[in-house]
Amino acid sequence: MTEHPDLAGLQRRLAEFAAARDWQPYHTPKNLVSALSVEASELVEIFQWLTPEESARVMADPGTAHRVTDEVADVLAYLLQFCEVLGIDPLAALAAKIDRNEHRFPRPGAGDAP
């Protein structure tokens, strides 16, 4: 089984990668969110003209699966860099958002008396 690095470790690697290339001046929130949008669009492009059935099978084709995996990695890399620059804990942000959504959108029947 492959061991996965932690989120902080990935963010550190991304920061070190950028620092080694003197890219920090370009890693502003505006630039990072723009790059994130571009990469997300590249992921959308893979699925753009697929039927729902074809999109569900996209990982069955090794070439397409590789493209999808690469674009997911690009999206996540820019999101993590964006969060790092702004001091956002992405896991805490997600947990808080799920909590809010659970209150905003209760399960059907959750408010009904027994």
PDB file of N, CA and C in Angstrom:
ATOM      1  N   MET A   1       0.845  -1.181   0.000  1.00  0.00           N
ATOM      2  CA  MET A   1       0.000   0.000   0.000  1.00  0.00           C
ATOM      3  C   MET A   1       0.894   1.249   0.000  1.00  0.00           C
ATOM      4  N   THR A   2       0.553   2.230  -0.821  1.00  0.00           N
ATOM      5  CA  THR A   2       1.312   3.465  -0.914  1.00  0.00           C
ATOM      6  C   THR A   2       0.985   4.361   0.265  1.00  0.00           C
ATOM      7  N   GLU A   3       2.025   4.904   0.906  1.00  0.00           N
ATOM      8  CA  GLU A   3       1.812   5.839   1.996  1.00  0.00           C
ATOM      9  C   GLU A   3       1.666   7.237   1.400  1.00  0.00           C
ATOM     10  N   HIS A   4       0.669   7.965   1.882  1.00  0.00           N
ATOM     11  CA  HIS A   4       0.407   9.296   1.351  1.00  0.00           C
ATOM     12  C   HIS A   4       1.027  10.347   2.254  1.00  0.00           C
ATOM     13  N   PRO A   5       1.681  11.345   1.671  1.00  0.00           N
ATOM     14  CA  PRO A   5       2.224  12.431   2.479  1.00  0.00           C
ATOM     15  C   PRO A   5       1.091  13.261   3.068  1.00  0.00           C
ATOM     16  N   ASP A   6       1.372  13.944   4.165  1.00  0.00           N
ATOM     17  CA  ASP A   6       0.350  14.798   4.767  1.00  0.00           C
ATOM     18  C   ASP A   6       0.238  16.116   4.005  1.00  0.00           C
ATOM     19  N   LEU A   7      -0.831  16.811   4.269  1.00  0.00           N
ATOM     20  CA  LEU A   7      -1.112  18.059   3.568  1.00  0.00           C
ATOM     21  C   LEU A   7      -0.013  19.091   3.804  1.00  0.00           C
ATOM     22  N   ALA A   8       0.425  19.233   5.050  1.00  0.00           N
ATOM     23  CA  ALA A   8       1.473  20.207   5.361  1.00  0.00           C
ATOM     24  C   ALA A   8       2.764  19.852   4.628  1.00  0.00           C
ATOM     25  N   GLY A   9       3.066  18.575   4.518  1.00  0.00           N
ATOM     26  CA  GLY A   9       4.262  18.149   3.796  1.00  0.00           C
ATOM     27  C   GLY A   9       4.191  18.482   2.319  1.00  0.00           C
ATOM     28  N   LEU A  10       3.020  18.308   1.742  1.00  0.00           N
ATOM     29  CA  LEU A  10       2.839  18.662   0.330  1.00  0.00           C
ATOM     30  C   LEU A  10       2.961  20.161   0.126  1.00  0.00           C
ATOM     31  N   GLN A  11       2.368  20.928   1.027  1.00  0.00           N
ATOM     32  CA  GLN A  11       2.479  22.385   0.918  1.00  0.00           C
ATOM     33  C   GLN A  11       3.935  22.823   1.051  1.00  0.00           C
ATOM     34  N   ARG A  12       4.669  22.189   1.949  1.00  0.00           N
ATOM     35  CA  ARG A  12       6.085  22.509   2.118  1.00  0.00           C
ATOM     36  C   ARG A  12       6.871  22.186   0.848  1.00  0.00           C
ATOM     37  N   ARG A  13       6.608  21.030   0.257  1.00  0.00           N
ATOM     38  CA  ARG A  13       7.287  20.660  -0.992  1.00  0.00           C
ATOM     39  C   ARG A  13       6.989  21.645  -2.104  1.00  0.00           C
ATOM     40  N   LEU A  14       5.735  22.061  -2.221  1.00  0.00           N
ATOM     41  CA  LEU A  14       5.362  23.043  -3.238  1.00  0.00           C
ATOM     42  C   LEU A  14       6.072  24.370  -3.000  1.00  0.00           C
ATOM     43  N   ALA A  15       6.146  24.801  -1.743  1.00  0.00           N
ATOM     44  CA  ALA A  15       6.827  26.065  -1.418  1.00  0.00           C
ATOM     45  C   ALA A  15       8.317  25.958  -1.725  1.00  0.00           C
ATOM     46  N   GLU A  16       8.920  24.821  -1.389  1.00  0.00           N
ATOM     47  CA  GLU A  16      10.344  24.628  -1.673  1.00  0.00           C
ATOM     48  C   GLU A  16      10.602  24.588  -3.179  1.00  0.00           C
ATOM     49  N   PHE A  17       9.729  23.953  -3.911  1.00  0.00           N
ATOM     50  CA  PHE A  17       9.853  23.887  -5.366  1.00  0.00           C
ATOM     51  C   PHE A  17       9.826  25.291  -5.961  1.00  0.00           C
ATOM     52  N   ALA A  18       8.850  26.094  -5.528  1.00  0.00           N
ATOM     53  CA  ALA A  18       8.728  27.470  -6.032  1.00  0.00           C
ATOM     54  C   ALA A  18       9.922  28.316  -5.610  1.00  0.00           C
ATOM     55  N   ALA A  19      10.360  28.159  -4.371  1.00  0.00           N
ATOM     56  CA  ALA A  19      11.488  28.952  -3.861  1.00  0.00           C
ATOM     57  C   ALA A  19      12.768  28.635  -4.625  1.00  0.00           C
ATOM     58  N   ALA A  20      12.980  27.376  -4.944  1.00  0.00           N
ATOM     59  CA  ALA A  20      14.191  26.966  -5.668  1.00  0.00           C
ATOM     60  C   ALA A  20      14.244  27.582  -7.062  1.00  0.00           C
ATOM     61  N   ARG A  21      13.119  28.002  -7.567  1.00  0.00           N
ATOM     62  CA  ARG A  21      13.036  28.588  -8.909  1.00  0.00           C
ATOM     63  C   ARG A  21      12.753  30.087  -8.869  1.00  0.00           C
ATOM     64  N   ASP A  22      12.775  30.659  -7.680  1.00  0.00           N
ATOM     65  CA  ASP A  22      12.495  32.090  -7.477  1.00  0.00           C
ATOM     66  C   ASP A  22      11.126  32.496  -8.023  1.00  0.00           C
ATOM     67  N   TRP A  23      10.140  31.646  -7.807  1.00  0.00           N
ATOM     68  CA  TRP A  23       8.791  31.932  -8.298  1.00  0.00           C
ATOM     69  C   TRP A  23       7.917  32.648  -7.278  1.00  0.00           C
ATOM     70  N   GLN A  24       8.389  32.828  -6.042  1.00  0.00           N
ATOM     71  CA  GLN A  24       7.528  33.417  -5.012  1.00  0.00           C
ATOM     72  C   GLN A  24       6.933  34.769  -5.413  1.00  0.00           C
ATOM     73  N   PRO A  25       7.695  35.641  -6.106  1.00  0.00           N
ATOM     74  CA  PRO A  25       7.079  36.934  -6.466  1.00  0.00           C
ATOM     75  C   PRO A  25       5.820  36.777  -7.329  1.00  0.00           C
ATOM     76  N   TYR A  26       5.715  35.674  -8.022  1.00  0.00           N
ATOM     77  CA  TYR A  26       4.566  35.447  -8.906  1.00  0.00           C
ATOM     78  C   TYR A  26       3.422  34.724  -8.199  1.00  0.00           C
ATOM     79  N   HIS A  27       3.687  34.194  -7.025  1.00  0.00           N
ATOM     80  CA  HIS A  27       2.684  33.411  -6.307  1.00  0.00           C
ATOM     81  C   HIS A  27       1.845  34.300  -5.402  1.00  0.00           C
ATOM     82  N   THR A  28       1.193  35.264  -6.032  1.00  0.00           N
ATOM     83  CA  THR A  28       0.255  36.141  -5.334  1.00  0.00           C
ATOM     84  C   THR A  28      -1.110  35.450  -5.315  1.00  0.00           C
ATOM     85  N   PRO A  29      -1.978  35.842  -4.388  1.00  0.00           N
ATOM     86  CA  PRO A  29      -3.319  35.243  -4.398  1.00  0.00           C
ATOM     87  C   PRO A  29      -4.001  35.356  -5.759  1.00  0.00           C
ATOM     88  N   LYS A  30      -3.896  36.525  -6.394  1.00  0.00           N
ATOM     89  CA  LYS A  30      -4.538  36.726  -7.706  1.00  0.00           C
ATOM     90  C   LYS A  30      -3.984  35.751  -8.740  1.00  0.00           C
ATOM     91  N   ASN A  31      -2.670  35.634  -8.830  1.00  0.00           N
ATOM     92  CA  ASN A  31      -2.072  34.737  -9.818  1.00  0.00           C
ATOM     93  C   ASN A  31      -2.383  33.278  -9.525  1.00  0.00           C
ATOM     94  N   LEU A  32      -2.338  32.908  -8.258  1.00  0.00           N
ATOM     95  CA  LEU A  32      -2.599  31.508  -7.913  1.00  0.00           C
ATOM     96  C   LEU A  32      -4.046  31.123  -8.173  1.00  0.00           C
ATOM     97  N   VAL A  33      -4.988  32.012  -7.852  1.00  0.00           N
ATOM     98  CA  VAL A  33      -6.387  31.680  -8.098  1.00  0.00           C
ATOM     99  C   VAL A  33      -6.677  31.670  -9.603  1.00  0.00           C
ATOM    100  N   SER A  34      -5.976  32.507 -10.352  1.00  0.00           N
ATOM    101  CA  SER A  34      -6.126  32.472 -11.812  1.00  0.00           C
ATOM    102  C   SER A  34      -5.603  31.149 -12.366  1.00  0.00           C
ATOM    103  N   ALA A  35      -4.447  30.724 -11.902  1.00  0.00           N
ATOM    104  CA  ALA A  35      -3.882  29.451 -12.348  1.00  0.00           C
ATOM    105  C   ALA A  35      -4.783  28.290 -11.944  1.00  0.00           C
ATOM    106  N   LEU A  36      -5.361  28.365 -10.754  1.00  0.00           N
ATOM    107  CA  LEU A  36      -6.292  27.336 -10.296  1.00  0.00           C
ATOM    108  C   LEU A  36      -7.482  27.241 -11.244  1.00  0.00           C
ATOM    109  N   SER A  37      -8.003  28.375 -11.645  1.00  0.00           N
ATOM    110  CA  SER A  37      -9.135  28.404 -12.569  1.00  0.00           C
ATOM    111  C   SER A  37      -8.776  27.781 -13.917  1.00  0.00           C
ATOM    112  N   VAL A  38      -7.593  28.094 -14.412  1.00  0.00           N
ATOM    113  CA  VAL A  38      -7.135  27.535 -15.691  1.00  0.00           C
ATOM    114  C   VAL A  38      -7.024  26.020 -15.592  1.00  0.00           C
ATOM    115  N   GLU A  39      -6.415  25.542 -14.518  1.00  0.00           N
ATOM    116  CA  GLU A  39      -6.252  24.093 -14.363  1.00  0.00           C
ATOM    117  C   GLU A  39      -7.595  23.391 -14.195  1.00  0.00           C
ATOM    118  N   ALA A  40      -8.514  24.004 -13.458  1.00  0.00           N
ATOM    119  CA  ALA A  40      -9.852  23.426 -13.327  1.00  0.00           C
ATOM    120  C   ALA A  40     -10.539  23.363 -14.684  1.00  0.00           C
ATOM    121  N   SER A  41     -10.332  24.386 -15.500  1.00  0.00           N
ATOM    122  CA  SER A  41     -10.904  24.389 -16.848  1.00  0.00           C
ATOM    123  C   SER A  41     -10.298  23.290 -17.715  1.00  0.00           C
ATOM    124  N   GLU A  42      -9.017  23.025 -17.531  1.00  0.00           N
ATOM    125  CA  GLU A  42      -8.395  21.940 -18.283  1.00  0.00           C
ATOM    126  C   GLU A  42      -8.982  20.589 -17.870  1.00  0.00           C
ATOM    127  N   LEU A  43      -9.355  20.447 -16.613  1.00  0.00           N
ATOM    128  CA  LEU A  43     -10.028  19.222 -16.162  1.00  0.00           C
ATOM    129  C   LEU A  43     -11.421  19.133 -16.780  1.00  0.00           C
ATOM    130  N   VAL A  44     -12.137  20.241 -16.790  1.00  0.00           N
ATOM    131  CA  VAL A  44     -13.464  20.278 -17.410  1.00  0.00           C
ATOM    132  C   VAL A  44     -13.376  19.909 -18.889  1.00  0.00           C
ATOM    133  N   GLU A  45     -12.345  20.399 -19.565  1.00  0.00           N
ATOM    134  CA  GLU A  45     -12.186  20.152 -21.000  1.00  0.00           C
ATOM    135  C   GLU A  45     -12.165  18.660 -21.324  1.00  0.00           C
ATOM    136  N   ILE A  46     -11.588  17.860 -20.465  1.00  0.00           N
ATOM    137  CA  ILE A  46     -11.530  16.406 -20.695  1.00  0.00           C
ATOM    138  C   ILE A  46     -12.927  15.814 -20.760  1.00  0.00           C
ATOM    139  N   PHE A  47     -13.827  16.340 -19.955  1.00  0.00           N
ATOM    140  CA  PHE A  47     -15.186  15.792 -19.834  1.00  0.00           C
ATOM    141  C   PHE A  47     -16.210  16.514 -20.706  1.00  0.00           C
ATOM    142  N   GLN A  48     -15.805  17.601 -21.336  1.00  0.00           N
ATOM    143  CA  GLN A  48     -16.734  18.533 -21.979  1.00  0.00           C
ATOM    144  C   GLN A  48     -17.782  17.872 -22.878  1.00  0.00           C
ATOM    145  N   TRP A  49     -17.392  17.011 -23.766  1.00  0.00           N
ATOM    146  CA  TRP A  49     -18.349  16.463 -24.731  1.00  0.00           C
ATOM    147  C   TRP A  49     -18.688  14.998 -24.471  1.00  0.00           C
ATOM    148  N   LEU A  50     -18.357  14.501 -23.295  1.00  0.00           N
ATOM    149  CA  LEU A  50     -18.673  13.116 -22.963  1.00  0.00           C
ATOM    150  C   LEU A  50     -20.122  12.999 -22.498  1.00  0.00           C
ATOM    151  N   THR A  51     -20.712  11.875 -22.786  1.00  0.00           N
ATOM    152  CA  THR A  51     -22.035  11.599 -22.231  1.00  0.00           C
ATOM    153  C   THR A  51     -21.851  11.272 -20.746  1.00  0.00           C
ATOM    154  N   PRO A  52     -22.915  11.295 -19.959  1.00  0.00           N
ATOM    155  CA  PRO A  52     -22.781  10.905 -18.548  1.00  0.00           C
ATOM    156  C   PRO A  52     -22.168   9.504 -18.391  1.00  0.00           C
ATOM    157  N   GLU A  53     -22.561   8.598 -19.278  1.00  0.00           N
ATOM    158  CA  GLU A  53     -22.025   7.236 -19.210  1.00  0.00           C
ATOM    159  C   GLU A  53     -20.530   7.215 -19.530  1.00  0.00           C
ATOM    160  N   GLU A  54     -20.124   7.946 -20.556  1.00  0.00           N
ATOM    161  CA  GLU A  54     -18.706   8.014 -20.913  1.00  0.00           C
ATOM    162  C   GLU A  54     -17.886   8.649 -19.792  1.00  0.00           C
ATOM    163  N   SER A  55     -18.439   9.677 -19.178  1.00  0.00           N
ATOM    164  CA  SER A  55     -17.700  10.352 -18.101  1.00  0.00           C
ATOM    165  C   SER A  55     -17.516   9.432 -16.900  1.00  0.00           C
ATOM    166  N   ALA A  56     -18.478   8.552 -16.653  1.00  0.00           N
ATOM    167  CA  ALA A  56     -18.357   7.611 -15.542  1.00  0.00           C
ATOM    168  C   ALA A  56     -17.271   6.566 -15.798  1.00  0.00           C
ATOM    169  N   ARG A  57     -16.937   6.342 -17.064  1.00  0.00           N
ATOM    170  CA  ARG A  57     -15.922   5.337 -17.425  1.00  0.00           C
ATOM    171  C   ARG A  57     -14.577   5.958 -17.794  1.00  0.00           C
ATOM    172  N   VAL A  58     -14.375   7.232 -17.548  1.00  0.00           N
ATOM    173  CA  VAL A  58     -13.200   7.947 -18.034  1.00  0.00           C
ATOM    174  C   VAL A  58     -11.890   7.344 -17.513  1.00  0.00           C
ATOM    175  N   MET A  59     -11.899   6.762 -16.336  1.00  0.00           N
ATOM    176  CA  MET A  59     -10.662   6.218 -15.775  1.00  0.00           C
ATOM    177  C   MET A  59     -10.328   4.840 -16.339  1.00  0.00           C
ATOM    178  N   ALA A  60     -11.213   4.282 -17.142  1.00  0.00           N
ATOM    179  CA  ALA A  60     -10.949   2.971 -17.748  1.00  0.00           C
ATOM    180  C   ALA A  60      -9.923   3.058 -18.881  1.00  0.00           C
ATOM    181  N   ASP A  61      -9.794   4.223 -19.503  1.00  0.00           N
ATOM    182  CA  ASP A  61      -8.822   4.420 -20.568  1.00  0.00           C
ATOM    183  C   ASP A  61      -7.534   4.971 -19.947  1.00  0.00           C
ATOM    184  N   PRO A  62      -6.433   4.231 -20.048  1.00  0.00           N
ATOM    185  CA  PRO A  62      -5.200   4.665 -19.385  1.00  0.00           C
ATOM    186  C   PRO A  62      -4.726   6.070 -19.790  1.00  0.00           C
ATOM    187  N   GLY A  63      -4.836   6.409 -21.041  1.00  0.00           N
ATOM    188  CA  GLY A  63      -4.392   7.729 -21.492  1.00  0.00           C
ATOM    189  C   GLY A  63      -5.228   8.840 -20.903  1.00  0.00           C
ATOM    190  N   THR A  64      -6.533   8.657 -20.929  1.00  0.00           N
ATOM    191  CA  THR A  64      -7.425   9.663 -20.361  1.00  0.00           C
ATOM    192  C   THR A  64      -7.288   9.696 -18.844  1.00  0.00           C
ATOM    193  N   ALA A  65      -7.151   8.543 -18.239  1.00  0.00           N
ATOM    194  CA  ALA A  65      -6.977   8.481 -16.784  1.00  0.00           C
ATOM    195  C   ALA A  65      -5.737   9.265 -16.364  1.00  0.00           C
ATOM    196  N   HIS A  66      -4.666   9.153 -17.129  1.00  0.00           N
ATOM    197  CA  HIS A  66      -3.433   9.879 -16.833  1.00  0.00           C
ATOM    198  C   HIS A  66      -3.669  11.392 -16.924  1.00  0.00           C
ATOM    199  N   ARG A  67      -4.387  11.821 -17.951  1.00  0.00           N
ATOM    200  CA  ARG A  67      -4.687  13.251 -18.109  1.00  0.00           C
ATOM    201  C   ARG A  67      -5.532  13.768 -16.947  1.00  0.00           C
ATOM    202  N   VAL A  68      -6.561  12.986 -16.565  1.00  0.00           N
ATOM    203  CA  VAL A  68      -7.425  13.387 -15.456  1.00  0.00           C
ATOM    204  C   VAL A  68      -6.604  13.493 -14.172  1.00  0.00           C
ATOM    205  N   THR A  69      -5.791  12.492 -13.909  1.00  0.00           N
ATOM    206  CA  THR A  69      -4.966  12.477 -12.695  1.00  0.00           C
ATOM    207  C   THR A  69      -4.013  13.665 -12.663  1.00  0.00           C
ATOM    208  N   ASP A  70      -3.379  13.980 -13.787  1.00  0.00           N
ATOM    209  CA  ASP A  70      -2.476  15.128 -13.852  1.00  0.00           C
ATOM    210  C   ASP A  70      -3.211  16.443 -13.593  1.00  0.00           C
ATOM    211  N   GLU A  71      -4.391  16.594 -14.166  1.00  0.00           N
ATOM    212  CA  GLU A  71      -5.138  17.840 -13.969  1.00  0.00           C
ATOM    213  C   GLU A  71      -5.636  17.960 -12.538  1.00  0.00           C
ATOM    214  N   VAL A  72      -6.049  16.854 -11.933  1.00  0.00           N
ATOM    215  CA  VAL A  72      -6.444  16.876 -10.523  1.00  0.00           C
ATOM    216  C   VAL A  72      -5.251  17.317  -9.671  1.00  0.00           C
ATOM    217  N   ALA A  73      -4.075  16.792  -9.978  1.00  0.00           N
ATOM    218  CA  ALA A  73      -2.863  17.187  -9.246  1.00  0.00           C
ATOM    219  C   ALA A  73      -2.581  18.675  -9.419  1.00  0.00           C
ATOM    220  N   ASP A  74      -2.739  19.186 -10.631  1.00  0.00           N
ATOM    221  CA  ASP A  74      -2.505  20.615 -10.874  1.00  0.00           C
ATOM    222  C   ASP A  74      -3.495  21.478 -10.093  1.00  0.00           C
ATOM    223  N   VAL A  75      -4.766  21.097 -10.099  1.00  0.00           N
ATOM    224  CA  VAL A  75      -5.790  21.838  -9.367  1.00  0.00           C
ATOM    225  C   VAL A  75      -5.456  21.846  -7.872  1.00  0.00           C
ATOM    226  N   LEU A  76      -5.126  20.685  -7.344  1.00  0.00           N
ATOM    227  CA  LEU A  76      -4.818  20.589  -5.921  1.00  0.00           C
ATOM    228  C   LEU A  76      -3.555  21.370  -5.571  1.00  0.00           C
ATOM    229  N   ALA A  77      -2.550  21.312  -6.419  1.00  0.00           N
ATOM    230  CA  ALA A  77      -1.306  22.045  -6.159  1.00  0.00           C
ATOM    231  C   ALA A  77      -1.569  23.543  -6.066  1.00  0.00           C
ATOM    232  N   TYR A  78      -2.301  24.085  -7.012  1.00  0.00           N
ATOM    233  CA  TYR A  78      -2.578  25.522  -6.968  1.00  0.00           C
ATOM    234  C   TYR A  78      -3.495  25.880  -5.797  1.00  0.00           C
ATOM    235  N   LEU A  79      -4.444  25.023  -5.468  1.00  0.00           N
ATOM    236  CA  LEU A  79      -5.310  25.290  -4.321  1.00  0.00           C
ATOM    237  C   LEU A  79      -4.493  25.301  -3.029  1.00  0.00           C
ATOM    238  N   LEU A  80      -3.598  24.343  -2.879  1.00  0.00           N
ATOM    239  CA  LEU A  80      -2.766  24.298  -1.672  1.00  0.00           C
ATOM    240  C   LEU A  80      -1.840  25.507  -1.579  1.00  0.00           C
ATOM    241  N   GLN A  81      -1.274  25.917  -2.711  1.00  0.00           N
ATOM    242  CA  GLN A  81      -0.420  27.103  -2.708  1.00  0.00           C
ATOM    243  C   GLN A  81      -1.221  28.361  -2.383  1.00  0.00           C
ATOM    244  N   PHE A  82      -2.406  28.464  -2.937  1.00  0.00           N
ATOM    245  CA  PHE A  82      -3.304  29.586  -2.658  1.00  0.00           C
ATOM    246  C   PHE A  82      -3.617  29.653  -1.160  1.00  0.00           C
ATOM    247  N   CYS A  83      -3.964  28.509  -0.580  1.00  0.00           N
ATOM    248  CA  CYS A  83      -4.267  28.455   0.851  1.00  0.00           C
ATOM    249  C   CYS A  83      -3.055  28.824   1.692  1.00  0.00           C
ATOM    250  N   GLU A  84      -1.888  28.355   1.292  1.00  0.00           N
ATOM    251  CA  GLU A  84      -0.657  28.664   2.021  1.00  0.00           C
ATOM    252  C   GLU A  84      -0.392  30.167   2.027  1.00  0.00           C
ATOM    253  N   VAL A  85      -0.519  30.808   0.887  1.00  0.00           N
ATOM    254  CA  VAL A  85      -0.255  32.244   0.769  1.00  0.00           C
ATOM    255  C   VAL A  85      -1.228  33.060   1.618  1.00  0.00           C
ATOM    256  N   LEU A  86      -2.477  32.624   1.698  1.00  0.00           N
ATOM    257  CA  LEU A  86      -3.490  33.374   2.452  1.00  0.00           C
ATOM    258  C   LEU A  86      -3.652  32.901   3.896  1.00  0.00           C
ATOM    259  N   GLY A  87      -2.927  31.851   4.283  1.00  0.00           N
ATOM    260  CA  GLY A  87      -3.022  31.355   5.652  1.00  0.00           C
ATOM    261  C   GLY A  87      -4.319  30.618   5.941  1.00  0.00           C
ATOM    262  N   ILE A  88      -4.857  29.954   4.944  1.00  0.00           N
ATOM    263  CA  ILE A  88      -6.095  29.181   5.097  1.00  0.00           C
ATOM    264  C   ILE A  88      -5.728  27.725   5.334  1.00  0.00           C
ATOM    265  N   ASP A  89      -6.324  27.110   6.357  1.00  0.00           N
ATOM    266  CA  ASP A  89      -6.182  25.674   6.581  1.00  0.00           C
ATOM    267  C   ASP A  89      -7.288  25.020   5.749  1.00  0.00           C
ATOM    268  N   PRO A  90      -6.934  24.379   4.631  1.00  0.00           N
ATOM    269  CA  PRO A  90      -7.986  23.865   3.741  1.00  0.00           C
ATOM    270  C   PRO A  90      -8.850  22.787   4.375  1.00  0.00           C
ATOM    271  N   LEU A  91      -8.278  21.957   5.239  1.00  0.00           N
ATOM    272  CA  LEU A  91      -9.079  20.913   5.878  1.00  0.00           C
ATOM    273  C   LEU A  91     -10.031  21.510   6.910  1.00  0.00           C
ATOM    274  N   ALA A  92      -9.579  22.497   7.652  1.00  0.00           N
ATOM    275  CA  ALA A  92     -10.462  23.176   8.608  1.00  0.00           C
ATOM    276  C   ALA A  92     -11.562  23.934   7.869  1.00  0.00           C
ATOM    277  N   ALA A  93     -11.205  24.570   6.750  1.00  0.00           N
ATOM    278  CA  ALA A  93     -12.205  25.292   5.957  1.00  0.00           C
ATOM    279  C   ALA A  93     -13.274  24.338   5.439  1.00  0.00           C
ATOM    280  N   LEU A  94     -12.847  23.176   4.969  1.00  0.00           N
ATOM    281  CA  LEU A  94     -13.798  22.184   4.459  1.00  0.00           C
ATOM    282  C   LEU A  94     -14.684  21.647   5.583  1.00  0.00           C
ATOM    283  N   ALA A  95     -14.098  21.340   6.720  1.00  0.00           N
ATOM    284  CA  ALA A  95     -14.891  20.831   7.850  1.00  0.00           C
ATOM    285  C   ALA A  95     -15.936  21.857   8.276  1.00  0.00           C
ATOM    286  N   ALA A  96     -15.544  23.136   8.352  1.00  0.00           N
ATOM    287  CA  ALA A  96     -16.484  24.189   8.731  1.00  0.00           C
ATOM    288  C   ALA A  96     -17.599  24.336   7.699  1.00  0.00           C
ATOM    289  N   LYS A  97     -17.250  24.212   6.420  1.00  0.00           N
ATOM    290  CA  LYS A  97     -18.253  24.328   5.351  1.00  0.00           C
ATOM    291  C   LYS A  97     -19.245  23.168   5.415  1.00  0.00           C
ATOM    292  N   ILE A  98     -18.760  21.956   5.676  1.00  0.00           N
ATOM    293  CA  ILE A  98     -19.660  20.799   5.811  1.00  0.00           C
ATOM    294  C   ILE A  98     -20.604  21.024   6.988  1.00  0.00           C
ATOM    295  N   ASP A  99     -20.060  21.526   8.110  1.00  0.00           N
ATOM    296  CA  ASP A  99     -20.909  21.816   9.275  1.00  0.00           C
ATOM    297  C   ASP A  99     -22.013  22.800   8.911  1.00  0.00           C
ATOM    298  N   ARG A 100     -21.643  23.891   8.217  1.00  0.00           N
ATOM    299  CA  ARG A 100     -22.650  24.883   7.815  1.00  0.00           C
ATOM    300  C   ARG A 100     -23.688  24.272   6.884  1.00  0.00           C
ATOM    301  N   ASN A 101     -23.233  23.455   5.938  1.00  0.00           N
ATOM    302  CA  ASN A 101     -24.168  22.840   4.996  1.00  0.00           C
ATOM    303  C   ASN A 101     -25.096  21.844   5.674  1.00  0.00           C
ATOM    304  N   GLU A 102     -24.609  21.156   6.697  1.00  0.00           N
ATOM    305  CA  GLU A 102     -25.482  20.231   7.432  1.00  0.00           C
ATOM    306  C   GLU A 102     -26.618  20.989   8.126  1.00  0.00           C
ATOM    307  N   HIS A 103     -26.332  22.207   8.569  1.00  0.00           N
ATOM    308  CA  HIS A 103     -27.376  23.019   9.180  1.00  0.00           C
ATOM    309  C   HIS A 103     -28.295  23.650   8.136  1.00  0.00           C
ATOM    310  N   ARG A 104     -27.706  24.077   7.033  1.00  0.00           N
ATOM    311  CA  ARG A 104     -28.503  24.715   5.969  1.00  0.00           C
ATOM    312  C   ARG A 104     -29.393  23.729   5.247  1.00  0.00           C
ATOM    313  N   PHE A 105     -28.896  22.515   5.067  1.00  0.00           N
ATOM    314  CA  PHE A 105     -29.606  21.499   4.288  1.00  0.00           C
ATOM    315  C   PHE A 105     -29.782  20.231   5.123  1.00  0.00           C
ATOM    316  N   PRO A 106     -30.713  20.268   6.079  1.00  0.00           N
ATOM    317  CA  PRO A 106     -30.896  19.078   6.914  1.00  0.00           C
ATOM    318  C   PRO A 106     -31.408  17.893   6.100  1.00  0.00           C
ATOM    319  N   ARG A 107     -31.127  16.721   6.633  1.00  0.00           N
ATOM    320  CA  ARG A 107     -31.626  15.502   5.978  1.00  0.00           C
ATOM    321  C   ARG A 107     -33.146  15.549   5.890  1.00  0.00           C
ATOM    322  N   PRO A 108     -33.706  15.012   4.799  1.00  0.00           N
ATOM    323  CA  PRO A 108     -35.171  14.967   4.712  1.00  0.00           C
ATOM    324  C   PRO A 108     -35.728  14.203   5.895  1.00  0.00           C
ATOM    325  N   GLY A 109     -36.712  14.796   6.543  1.00  0.00           N
ATOM    326  CA  GLY A 109     -37.361  14.149   7.675  1.00  0.00           C
ATOM    327  C   GLY A 109     -36.637  14.363   8.996  1.00  0.00           C
ATOM    328  N   ALA A 110     -35.491  15.056   8.985  1.00  0.00           N
ATOM    329  CA  ALA A 110     -34.725  15.233  10.221  1.00  0.00           C
ATOM    330  C   ALA A 110     -35.460  16.113  11.229  1.00  0.00           C
ATOM    331  N   GLY A 111     -36.296  17.009  10.757  1.00  0.00           N
ATOM    332  CA  GLY A 111     -37.016  17.898  11.667  1.00  0.00           C
ATOM    333  C   GLY A 111     -38.397  17.377  12.047  1.00  0.00           C
ATOM    334  N   ASP A 112     -38.772  16.247  11.504  1.00  0.00           N
ATOM    335  CA  ASP A 112     -40.092  15.686  11.785  1.00  0.00           C
ATOM    336  C   ASP A 112     -40.116  15.066  13.178  1.00  0.00           C
ATOM    337  N   ALA A 113     -41.225  15.221  13.854  1.00  0.00           N
ATOM    338  CA  ALA A 113     -41.411  14.587  15.168  1.00  0.00           C
ATOM    339  C   ALA A 113     -41.622  13.092  14.977  1.00  0.00           C
ATOM    340  N   PRO A 114     -41.128  12.284  15.945  1.00  0.00           N
ATOM    341  CA  PRO A 114     -41.307  10.813  15.804  1.00  0.00           C
ATOM    342  C   PRO A 114     -42.729  10.369  15.918  1.00  0.00           C
TER     343      PRO A 114
END
